[in-house]
Amino acid sequence: MKTLGQALIIIFGGVVLFGCATAVPLAPGADQVRITKNPADVASCAPVGNIDSRIEGLPSQVQAQMQNQAVGLGGNVVLETSAQGTGLSGVIYRCGH
């Protein structure tokens, strides 16, 4: 009986762990959005909006959400401006043609 209880705990823990790690699907064109922390990369670009600072998740999920927001506003570069541990914030830019 003790072994069954331990097995159920392990299975439940695995379901919770892998259930939280679902991939965020990219919107069409979002894979072309570049994320940078270097302000010089957007010096000649036009700002089109801001990133929602409430984005949470694994780094890959956060990046996908940022890219989706950017493409939704017509941007192709995100300047991440958040300090570590303060949540996510950034400015979306349209660069180039």
PDB file of N, CA and C in Angstrom:
ATOM      1  N   MET A   1       0.820  -1.190   0.000  1.00  0.00           N
ATOM      2  CA  MET A   1       0.000   0.000   0.000  1.00  0.00           C
ATOM      3  C   MET A   1       0.871   1.263   0.000  1.00  0.00           C
ATOM      4  N   LYS A   2       1.973   1.202   0.762  1.00  0.00           N
ATOM      5  CA  LYS A   2       2.863   2.349   0.825  1.00  0.00           C
ATOM      6  C   LYS A   2       3.472   2.626  -0.545  1.00  0.00           C
ATOM      7  N   THR A   3       3.822   1.586  -1.301  1.00  0.00           N
ATOM      8  CA  THR A   3       4.408   1.731  -2.630  1.00  0.00           C
ATOM      9  C   THR A   3       3.405   2.358  -3.585  1.00  0.00           C
ATOM     10  N   LEU A   4       2.143   1.976  -3.508  1.00  0.00           N
ATOM     11  CA  LEU A   4       1.104   2.544  -4.361  1.00  0.00           C
ATOM     12  C   LEU A   4       0.943   4.032  -4.084  1.00  0.00           C
ATOM     13  N   GLY A   5       0.975   4.416  -2.833  1.00  0.00           N
ATOM     14  CA  GLY A   5       0.861   5.830  -2.474  1.00  0.00           C
ATOM     15  C   GLY A   5       2.031   6.645  -3.002  1.00  0.00           C
ATOM     16  N   GLN A   6       3.230   6.086  -2.903  1.00  0.00           N
ATOM     17  CA  GLN A   6       4.410   6.779  -3.425  1.00  0.00           C
ATOM     18  C   GLN A   6       4.348   6.890  -4.939  1.00  0.00           C
ATOM     19  N   ALA A   7       3.884   5.839  -5.603  1.00  0.00           N
ATOM     20  CA  ALA A   7       3.764   5.868  -7.067  1.00  0.00           C
ATOM     21  C   ALA A   7       2.764   6.930  -7.502  1.00  0.00           C
ATOM     22  N   LEU A   8       1.646   7.030  -6.800  1.00  0.00           N
ATOM     23  CA  LEU A   8       0.639   8.039  -7.137  1.00  0.00           C
ATOM     24  C   LEU A   8       1.185   9.453  -6.951  1.00  0.00           C
ATOM     25  N   ILE A   9       1.960   9.658  -5.920  1.00  0.00           N
ATOM     26  CA  ILE A   9       2.565  10.974  -5.683  1.00  0.00           C
ATOM     27  C   ILE A   9       3.539  11.312  -6.814  1.00  0.00           C
ATOM     28  N   ILE A  10       4.346  10.359  -7.222  1.00  0.00           N
ATOM     29  CA  ILE A  10       5.298  10.591  -8.309  1.00  0.00           C
ATOM     30  C   ILE A  10       4.561  10.882  -9.616  1.00  0.00           C
ATOM     31  N   ILE A  11       3.525  10.102  -9.906  1.00  0.00           N
ATOM     32  CA  ILE A  11       2.751  10.323 -11.135  1.00  0.00           C
ATOM     33  C   ILE A  11       2.088  11.691 -11.101  1.00  0.00           C
ATOM     34  N   PHE A  12       1.454  12.041  -9.992  1.00  0.00           N
ATOM     35  CA  PHE A  12       0.796  13.342  -9.879  1.00  0.00           C
ATOM     36  C   PHE A  12       1.799  14.475 -10.029  1.00  0.00           C
ATOM     37  N   GLY A  13       2.963  14.332  -9.401  1.00  0.00           N
ATOM     38  CA  GLY A  13       4.009  15.356  -9.514  1.00  0.00           C
ATOM     39  C   GLY A  13       4.467  15.519 -10.949  1.00  0.00           C
ATOM     40  N   GLY A  14       4.618  14.420 -11.675  1.00  0.00           N
ATOM     41  CA  GLY A  14       5.016  14.487 -13.078  1.00  0.00           C
ATOM     42  C   GLY A  14       3.966  15.167 -13.928  1.00  0.00           C
ATOM     43  N   VAL A  15       2.699  14.862 -13.686  1.00  0.00           N
ATOM     44  CA  VAL A  15       1.612  15.503 -14.445  1.00  0.00           C
ATOM     45  C   VAL A  15       1.602  17.003 -14.196  1.00  0.00           C
ATOM     46  N   VAL A  16       1.758  17.408 -12.956  1.00  0.00           N
ATOM     47  CA  VAL A  16       1.781  18.837 -12.626  1.00  0.00           C
ATOM     48  C   VAL A  16       2.985  19.508 -13.267  1.00  0.00           C
ATOM     49  N   LEU A  17       4.151  18.900 -13.158  1.00  0.00           N
ATOM     50  CA  LEU A  17       5.371  19.482 -13.706  1.00  0.00           C
ATOM     51  C   LEU A  17       5.272  19.640 -15.215  1.00  0.00           C
ATOM     52  N   PHE A  18       4.897  18.580 -15.918  1.00  0.00           N
ATOM     53  CA  PHE A  18       4.850  18.646 -17.377  1.00  0.00           C
ATOM     54  C   PHE A  18       3.616  19.392 -17.871  1.00  0.00           C
ATOM     55  N   GLY A  19       2.572  19.440 -17.101  1.00  0.00           N
ATOM     56  CA  GLY A  19       1.385  20.204 -17.480  1.00  0.00           C
ATOM     57  C   GLY A  19       1.642  21.698 -17.456  1.00  0.00           C
ATOM     58  N   CYS A  20       2.536  22.135 -16.595  1.00  0.00           N
ATOM     59  CA  CYS A  20       2.867  23.554 -16.493  1.00  0.00           C
ATOM     60  C   CYS A  20       3.857  23.985 -17.573  1.00  0.00           C
ATOM     61  N   ALA A  21       4.476  23.045 -18.252  1.00  0.00           N
ATOM     62  CA  ALA A  21       5.511  23.364 -19.221  1.00  0.00           C
ATOM     63  C   ALA A  21       4.991  23.302 -20.659  1.00  0.00           C
ATOM     64  N   THR A  22       3.716  23.614 -20.835  1.00  0.00           N
ATOM     65  CA  THR A  22       3.167  23.563 -22.184  1.00  0.00           C
ATOM     66  C   THR A  22       3.748  24.687 -23.022  1.00  0.00           C
ATOM     67  N   ALA A  23       3.906  24.402 -24.285  1.00  0.00           N
ATOM     68  CA  ALA A  23       4.472  25.384 -25.203  1.00  0.00           C
ATOM     69  C   ALA A  23       3.443  26.447 -25.545  1.00  0.00           C
ATOM     70  N   VAL A  24       3.912  27.658 -25.749  1.00  0.00           N
ATOM     71  CA  VAL A  24       3.055  28.751 -26.195  1.00  0.00           C
ATOM     72  C   VAL A  24       3.149  28.784 -27.715  1.00  0.00           C
ATOM     73  N   PRO A  25       2.023  28.619 -28.420  1.00  0.00           N
ATOM     74  CA  PRO A  25       2.089  28.650 -29.877  1.00  0.00           C
ATOM     75  C   PRO A  25       2.413  30.053 -30.381  1.00  0.00           C
ATOM     76  N   LEU A  26       3.246  30.115 -31.409  1.00  0.00           N
ATOM     77  CA  LEU A  26       3.614  31.404 -31.995  1.00  0.00           C
ATOM     78  C   LEU A  26       2.584  31.828 -33.028  1.00  0.00           C
ATOM     79  N   ALA A  27       2.250  33.102 -33.003  1.00  0.00           N
ATOM     80  CA  ALA A  27       1.383  33.683 -34.028  1.00  0.00           C
ATOM     81  C   ALA A  27       2.162  33.725 -35.345  1.00  0.00           C
ATOM     82  N   PRO A  28       1.462  33.750 -36.471  1.00  0.00           N
ATOM     83  CA  PRO A  28       2.170  33.856 -37.749  1.00  0.00           C
ATOM     84  C   PRO A  28       3.092  35.079 -37.775  1.00  0.00           C
ATOM     85  N   GLY A  29       4.351  34.857 -38.097  1.00  0.00           N
ATOM     86  CA  GLY A  29       5.337  35.929 -38.161  1.00  0.00           C
ATOM     87  C   GLY A  29       6.065  36.193 -36.861  1.00  0.00           C
ATOM     88  N   ALA A  30       5.599  35.637 -35.769  1.00  0.00           N
ATOM     89  CA  ALA A  30       6.214  35.902 -34.466  1.00  0.00           C
ATOM     90  C   ALA A  30       7.620  35.313 -34.369  1.00  0.00           C
ATOM     91  N   ASP A  31       7.896  34.279 -35.142  1.00  0.00           N
ATOM     92  CA  ASP A  31       9.228  33.686 -35.104  1.00  0.00           C
ATOM     93  C   ASP A  31      10.288  34.614 -35.702  1.00  0.00           C
ATOM     94  N   GLN A  32       9.853  35.658 -36.382  1.00  0.00           N
ATOM     95  CA  GLN A  32      10.772  36.635 -36.973  1.00  0.00           C
ATOM     96  C   GLN A  32      11.066  37.808 -36.035  1.00  0.00           C
ATOM     97  N   VAL A  33      10.368  37.882 -34.911  1.00  0.00           N
ATOM     98  CA  VAL A  33      10.564  38.974 -33.948  1.00  0.00           C
ATOM     99  C   VAL A  33      11.828  38.720 -33.143  1.00  0.00           C
ATOM    100  N   ARG A  34      12.692  39.711 -33.110  1.00  0.00           N
ATOM    101  CA  ARG A  34      13.970  39.630 -32.390  1.00  0.00           C
ATOM    102  C   ARG A  34      13.814  40.303 -31.024  1.00  0.00           C
ATOM    103  N   ILE A  35      14.415  39.709 -30.012  1.00  0.00           N
ATOM    104  CA  ILE A  35      14.391  40.279 -28.662  1.00  0.00           C
ATOM    105  C   ILE A  35      15.808  40.697 -28.313  1.00  0.00           C
ATOM    106  N   THR A  36      15.947  41.930 -27.820  1.00  0.00           N
ATOM    107  CA  THR A  36      17.267  42.466 -27.501  1.00  0.00           C
ATOM    108  C   THR A  36      17.214  43.224 -26.178  1.00  0.00           C
ATOM    109  N   LYS A  37      18.360  43.406 -25.581  1.00  0.00           N
ATOM    110  CA  LYS A  37      18.498  44.256 -24.394  1.00  0.00           C
ATOM    111  C   LYS A  37      19.390  45.447 -24.696  1.00  0.00           C
ATOM    112  N   ASN A  38      19.797  45.580 -25.953  1.00  0.00           N
ATOM    113  CA  ASN A  38      20.719  46.631 -26.366  1.00  0.00           C
ATOM    114  C   ASN A  38      19.943  47.788 -27.017  1.00  0.00           C
ATOM    115  N   PRO A  39      19.845  48.947 -26.357  1.00  0.00           N
ATOM    116  CA  PRO A  39      19.104  50.082 -26.916  1.00  0.00           C
ATOM    117  C   PRO A  39      19.625  50.536 -28.282  1.00  0.00           C
ATOM    118  N   ALA A  40      20.901  50.323 -28.566  1.00  0.00           N
ATOM    119  CA  ALA A  40      21.451  50.718 -29.871  1.00  0.00           C
ATOM    120  C   ALA A  40      20.796  49.942 -31.019  1.00  0.00           C
ATOM    121  N   ASP A  41      20.290  48.752 -30.737  1.00  0.00           N
ATOM    122  CA  ASP A  41      19.649  47.936 -31.769  1.00  0.00           C
ATOM    123  C   ASP A  41      18.352  48.549 -32.282  1.00  0.00           C
ATOM    124  N   VAL A  42      17.750  49.444 -31.501  1.00  0.00           N
ATOM    125  CA  VAL A  42      16.465  50.035 -31.904  1.00  0.00           C
ATOM    126  C   VAL A  42      16.549  51.554 -32.059  1.00  0.00           C
ATOM    127  N   ALA A  43      17.765  52.084 -32.133  1.00  0.00           N
ATOM    128  CA  ALA A  43      17.964  53.537 -32.183  1.00  0.00           C
ATOM    129  C   ALA A  43      17.267  54.194 -33.373  1.00  0.00           C
ATOM    130  N   SER A  44      17.194  53.511 -34.497  1.00  0.00           N
ATOM    131  CA  SER A  44      16.576  54.106 -35.690  1.00  0.00           C
ATOM    132  C   SER A  44      15.203  53.507 -35.982  1.00  0.00           C
ATOM    133  N   CYS A  45      14.578  52.902 -34.988  1.00  0.00           N
ATOM    134  CA  CYS A  45      13.288  52.233 -35.165  1.00  0.00           C
ATOM    135  C   CYS A  45      12.148  53.053 -34.557  1.00  0.00           C
ATOM    136  N   ALA A  46      10.938  52.736 -34.964  1.00  0.00           N
ATOM    137  CA  ALA A  46       9.753  53.433 -34.444  1.00  0.00           C
ATOM    138  C   ALA A  46       9.079  52.583 -33.366  1.00  0.00           C
ATOM    139  N   PRO A  47       8.853  53.155 -32.172  1.00  0.00           N
ATOM    140  CA  PRO A  47       8.150  52.402 -31.132  1.00  0.00           C
ATOM    141  C   PRO A  47       6.674  52.229 -31.507  1.00  0.00           C
ATOM    142  N   VAL A  48       6.139  51.045 -31.241  1.00  0.00           N
ATOM    143  CA  VAL A  48       4.731  50.790 -31.568  1.00  0.00           C
ATOM    144  C   VAL A  48       3.914  50.348 -30.360  1.00  0.00           C
ATOM    145  N   GLY A  49       4.572  50.067 -29.243  1.00  0.00           N
ATOM    146  CA  GLY A  49       3.813  49.665 -28.063  1.00  0.00           C
ATOM    147  C   GLY A  49       4.720  49.145 -26.969  1.00  0.00           C
ATOM    148  N   ASN A  50       4.088  48.706 -25.894  1.00  0.00           N
ATOM    149  CA  ASN A  50       4.799  48.193 -24.733  1.00  0.00           C
ATOM    150  C   ASN A  50       4.430  46.745 -24.482  1.00  0.00           C
ATOM    151  N   ILE A  51       5.335  46.030 -23.832  1.00  0.00           N
ATOM    152  CA  ILE A  51       5.098  44.641 -23.446  1.00  0.00           C
ATOM    153  C   ILE A  51       4.382  44.629 -22.110  1.00  0.00           C
ATOM    154  N   ASP A  52       3.403  43.750 -22.004  1.00  0.00           N
ATOM    155  CA  ASP A  52       2.658  43.554 -20.771  1.00  0.00           C
ATOM    156  C   ASP A  52       3.597  43.003 -19.712  1.00  0.00           C
ATOM    157  N   SER A  53       3.733  43.698 -18.605  1.00  0.00           N
ATOM    158  CA  SER A  53       4.701  43.307 -17.571  1.00  0.00           C
ATOM    159  C   SER A  53       4.216  42.147 -16.709  1.00  0.00           C
ATOM    160  N   ARG A  54       3.048  41.593 -16.995  1.00  0.00           N
ATOM    161  CA  ARG A  54       2.546  40.479 -16.185  1.00  0.00           C
ATOM    162  C   ARG A  54       2.843  39.119 -16.798  1.00  0.00           C
ATOM    163  N   ILE A  55       3.656  39.063 -17.840  1.00  0.00           N
ATOM    164  CA  ILE A  55       3.976  37.787 -18.471  1.00  0.00           C
ATOM    165  C   ILE A  55       4.772  36.927 -17.497  1.00  0.00           C
ATOM    166  N   GLU A  56       4.364  35.661 -17.369  1.00  0.00           N
ATOM    167  CA  GLU A  56       5.054  34.736 -16.490  1.00  0.00           C
ATOM    168  C   GLU A  56       5.234  33.411 -17.212  1.00  0.00           C
ATOM    169  N   GLY A  57       6.120  32.596 -16.729  1.00  0.00           N
ATOM    170  CA  GLY A  57       6.318  31.267 -17.281  1.00  0.00           C
ATOM    171  C   GLY A  57       7.778  30.946 -17.443  1.00  0.00           C
ATOM    172  N   LEU A  58       8.031  29.822 -18.112  1.00  0.00           N
ATOM    173  CA  LEU A  58       9.397  29.434 -18.417  1.00  0.00           C
ATOM    174  C   LEU A  58       9.979  30.408 -19.427  1.00  0.00           C
ATOM    175  N   PRO A  59      11.302  30.532 -19.496  1.00  0.00           N
ATOM    176  CA  PRO A  59      11.896  31.490 -20.436  1.00  0.00           C
ATOM    177  C   PRO A  59      11.401  31.336 -21.868  1.00  0.00           C
ATOM    178  N   SER A  60      11.234  30.105 -22.344  1.00  0.00           N
ATOM    179  CA  SER A  60      10.760  29.909 -23.720  1.00  0.00           C
ATOM    180  C   SER A  60       9.314  30.381 -23.876  1.00  0.00           C
ATOM    181  N   GLN A  61       8.499  30.216 -22.835  1.00  0.00           N
ATOM    182  CA  GLN A  61       7.114  30.663 -22.879  1.00  0.00           C
ATOM    183  C   GLN A  61       7.046  32.186 -22.877  1.00  0.00           C
ATOM    184  N   VAL A  62       7.872  32.800 -22.053  1.00  0.00           N
ATOM    185  CA  VAL A  62       7.898  34.259 -21.975  1.00  0.00           C
ATOM    186  C   VAL A  62       8.332  34.854 -23.309  1.00  0.00           C
ATOM    187  N   GLN A  63       9.360  34.277 -23.900  1.00  0.00           N
ATOM    188  CA  GLN A  63       9.838  34.773 -25.192  1.00  0.00           C
ATOM    189  C   GLN A  63       8.745  34.655 -26.251  1.00  0.00           C
ATOM    190  N   ALA A  64       8.055  33.532 -26.280  1.00  0.00           N
ATOM    191  CA  ALA A  64       6.980  33.345 -27.263  1.00  0.00           C
ATOM    192  C   ALA A  64       5.861  34.362 -27.044  1.00  0.00           C
ATOM    193  N   GLN A  65       5.522  34.637 -25.794  1.00  0.00           N
ATOM    194  CA  GLN A  65       4.476  35.612 -25.502  1.00  0.00           C
ATOM    195  C   GLN A  65       4.907  37.015 -25.935  1.00  0.00           C
ATOM    196  N   MET A  66       6.183  37.338 -25.705  1.00  0.00           N
ATOM    197  CA  MET A  66       6.704  38.639 -26.127  1.00  0.00           C
ATOM    198  C   MET A  66       6.636  38.768 -27.655  1.00  0.00           C
ATOM    199  N   GLN A  67       7.050  37.717 -28.347  1.00  0.00           N
ATOM    200  CA  GLN A  67       7.032  37.740 -29.803  1.00  0.00           C
ATOM    201  C   GLN A  67       5.599  37.863 -30.331  1.00  0.00           C
ATOM    202  N   ASN A  68       4.666  37.171 -29.712  1.00  0.00           N
ATOM    203  CA  ASN A  68       3.266  37.254 -30.129  1.00  0.00           C
ATOM    204  C   ASN A  68       2.706  38.664 -29.932  1.00  0.00           C
ATOM    205  N   GLN A  69       3.019  39.277 -28.793  1.00  0.00           N
ATOM    206  CA  GLN A  69       2.551  40.647 -28.546  1.00  0.00           C
ATOM    207  C   GLN A  69       3.139  41.607 -29.565  1.00  0.00           C
ATOM    208  N   ALA A  70       4.412  41.422 -29.871  1.00  0.00           N
ATOM    209  CA  ALA A  70       5.081  42.316 -30.818  1.00  0.00           C
ATOM    210  C   ALA A  70       4.451  42.219 -32.200  1.00  0.00           C
ATOM    211  N   VAL A  71       4.252  41.008 -32.687  1.00  0.00           N
ATOM    212  CA  VAL A  71       3.682  40.854 -34.025  1.00  0.00           C
ATOM    213  C   VAL A  71       2.230  41.362 -34.048  1.00  0.00           C
ATOM    214  N   GLY A  72       1.541  41.232 -32.942  1.00  0.00           N
ATOM    215  CA  GLY A  72       0.167  41.738 -32.848  1.00  0.00           C
ATOM    216  C   GLY A  72       0.090  43.247 -32.981  1.00  0.00           C
ATOM    217  N   LEU A  73       1.149  43.937 -32.598  1.00  0.00           N
ATOM    218  CA  LEU A  73       1.185  45.402 -32.700  1.00  0.00           C
ATOM    219  C   LEU A  73       1.966  45.878 -33.927  1.00  0.00           C
ATOM    220  N   GLY A  74       2.372  44.943 -34.774  1.00  0.00           N
ATOM    221  CA  GLY A  74       3.091  45.319 -35.983  1.00  0.00           C
ATOM    222  C   GLY A  74       4.572  45.541 -35.772  1.00  0.00           C
ATOM    223  N   GLY A  75       5.121  45.057 -34.669  1.00  0.00           N
ATOM    224  CA  GLY A  75       6.538  45.225 -34.387  1.00  0.00           C
ATOM    225  C   GLY A  75       7.355  44.027 -34.824  1.00  0.00           C
ATOM    226  N   ASN A  76       8.667  44.234 -34.915  1.00  0.00           N
ATOM    227  CA  ASN A  76       9.542  43.119 -35.261  1.00  0.00           C
ATOM    228  C   ASN A  76      10.781  43.034 -34.361  1.00  0.00           C
ATOM    229  N   VAL A  77      10.889  43.940 -33.398  1.00  0.00           N
ATOM    230  CA  VAL A  77      11.976  43.894 -32.413  1.00  0.00           C
ATOM    231  C   VAL A  77      11.401  44.296 -31.052  1.00  0.00           C
ATOM    232  N   VAL A  78      11.826  43.595 -30.011  1.00  0.00           N
ATOM    233  CA  VAL A  78      11.429  43.944 -28.643  1.00  0.00           C
ATOM    234  C   VAL A  78      12.684  44.327 -27.881  1.00  0.00           C
ATOM    235  N   LEU A  79      12.657  45.503 -27.282  1.00  0.00           N
ATOM    236  CA  LEU A  79      13.729  45.928 -26.386  1.00  0.00           C
ATOM    237  C   LEU A  79      13.273  45.609 -24.974  1.00  0.00           C
ATOM    238  N   GLU A  80      13.881  44.585 -24.383  1.00  0.00           N
ATOM    239  CA  GLU A  80      13.525  44.211 -23.016  1.00  0.00           C
ATOM    240  C   GLU A  80      14.164  45.203 -22.064  1.00  0.00           C
ATOM    241  N   THR A  81      13.350  45.821 -21.219  1.00  0.00           N
ATOM    242  CA  THR A  81      13.836  46.874 -20.324  1.00  0.00           C
ATOM    243  C   THR A  81      13.726  46.501 -18.856  1.00  0.00           C
ATOM    244  N   SER A  82      13.229  45.331 -18.544  1.00  0.00           N
ATOM    245  CA  SER A  82      13.012  44.964 -17.149  1.00  0.00           C
ATOM    246  C   SER A  82      14.320  44.629 -16.457  1.00  0.00           C
ATOM    247  N   ALA A  83      14.353  44.943 -15.177  1.00  0.00           N
ATOM    248  CA  ALA A  83      15.483  44.547 -14.344  1.00  0.00           C
ATOM    249  C   ALA A  83      15.189  43.162 -13.807  1.00  0.00           C
ATOM    250  N   GLN A  84      16.212  42.388 -13.537  1.00  0.00           N
ATOM    251  CA  GLN A  84      16.014  41.041 -13.040  1.00  0.00           C
ATOM    252  C   GLN A  84      15.171  41.050 -11.779  1.00  0.00           C
ATOM    253  N   GLY A  85      14.172  40.160 -11.745  1.00  0.00           N
ATOM    254  CA  GLY A  85      13.342  40.021 -10.560  1.00  0.00           C
ATOM    255  C   GLY A  85      12.232  41.050 -10.444  1.00  0.00           C
ATOM    256  N   THR A  86      12.019  41.894 -11.453  1.00  0.00           N
ATOM    257  CA  THR A  86      10.982  42.920 -11.347  1.00  0.00           C
ATOM    258  C   THR A  86       9.821  42.652 -12.292  1.00  0.00           C
ATOM    259  N   GLY A  87       9.723  41.464 -12.847  1.00  0.00           N
ATOM    260  CA  GLY A  87       8.694  41.195 -13.838  1.00  0.00           C
ATOM    261  C   GLY A  87       9.223  41.588 -15.201  1.00  0.00           C
ATOM    262  N   LEU A  88       8.437  41.376 -16.209  1.00  0.00           N
ATOM    263  CA  LEU A  88       8.891  41.624 -17.573  1.00  0.00           C
ATOM    264  C   LEU A  88       8.309  42.929 -18.089  1.00  0.00           C
ATOM    265  N   SER A  89       9.166  43.729 -18.692  1.00  0.00           N
ATOM    266  CA  SER A  89       8.686  44.915 -19.384  1.00  0.00           C
ATOM    267  C   SER A  89       9.592  45.172 -20.574  1.00  0.00           C
ATOM    268  N   GLY A  90       9.053  45.842 -21.558  1.00  0.00           N
ATOM    269  CA  GLY A  90       9.824  46.139 -22.745  1.00  0.00           C
ATOM    270  C   GLY A  90       9.052  47.036 -23.686  1.00  0.00           C
ATOM    271  N   VAL A  91       9.724  47.458 -24.721  1.00  0.00           N
ATOM    272  CA  VAL A  91       9.111  48.316 -25.737  1.00  0.00           C
ATOM    273  C   VAL A  91       9.208  47.573 -27.072  1.00  0.00           C
ATOM    274  N   ILE A  92       8.105  47.590 -27.803  1.00  0.00           N
ATOM    275  CA  ILE A  92       8.036  46.942 -29.095  1.00  0.00           C
ATOM    276  C   ILE A  92       8.342  47.987 -30.162  1.00  0.00           C
ATOM    277  N   TYR A  93       9.216  47.634 -31.107  1.00  0.00           N
ATOM    278  CA  TYR A  93       9.614  48.539 -32.179  1.00  0.00           C
ATOM    279  C   TYR A  93       9.351  47.915 -33.537  1.00  0.00           C
ATOM    280  N   ARG A  94       9.157  48.794 -34.527  1.00  0.00           N
ATOM    281  CA  ARG A  94       9.127  48.388 -35.929  1.00  0.00           C
ATOM    282  C   ARG A  94      10.408  48.935 -36.543  1.00  0.00           C
ATOM    283  N   CYS A  95      11.277  48.035 -36.998  1.00  0.00           N
ATOM    284  CA  CYS A  95      12.562  48.417 -37.574  1.00  0.00           C
ATOM    285  C   CYS A  95      12.619  48.005 -39.036  1.00  0.00           C
ATOM    286  N   GLY A  96      13.373  48.743 -39.808  1.00  0.00           N
ATOM    287  CA  GLY A  96      13.556  48.390 -41.210  1.00  0.00           C
ATOM    288  C   GLY A  96      12.364  48.777 -42.059  1.00  0.00           C
ATOM    289  N   HIS A  97      12.234  48.121 -43.198  1.00  0.00           N
ATOM    290  CA  HIS A  97      11.167  48.441 -44.134  1.00  0.00           C
ATOM    291  C   HIS A  97       9.932  47.804 -43.662  1.00  0.00           C
TER     292      HIS A  97
END
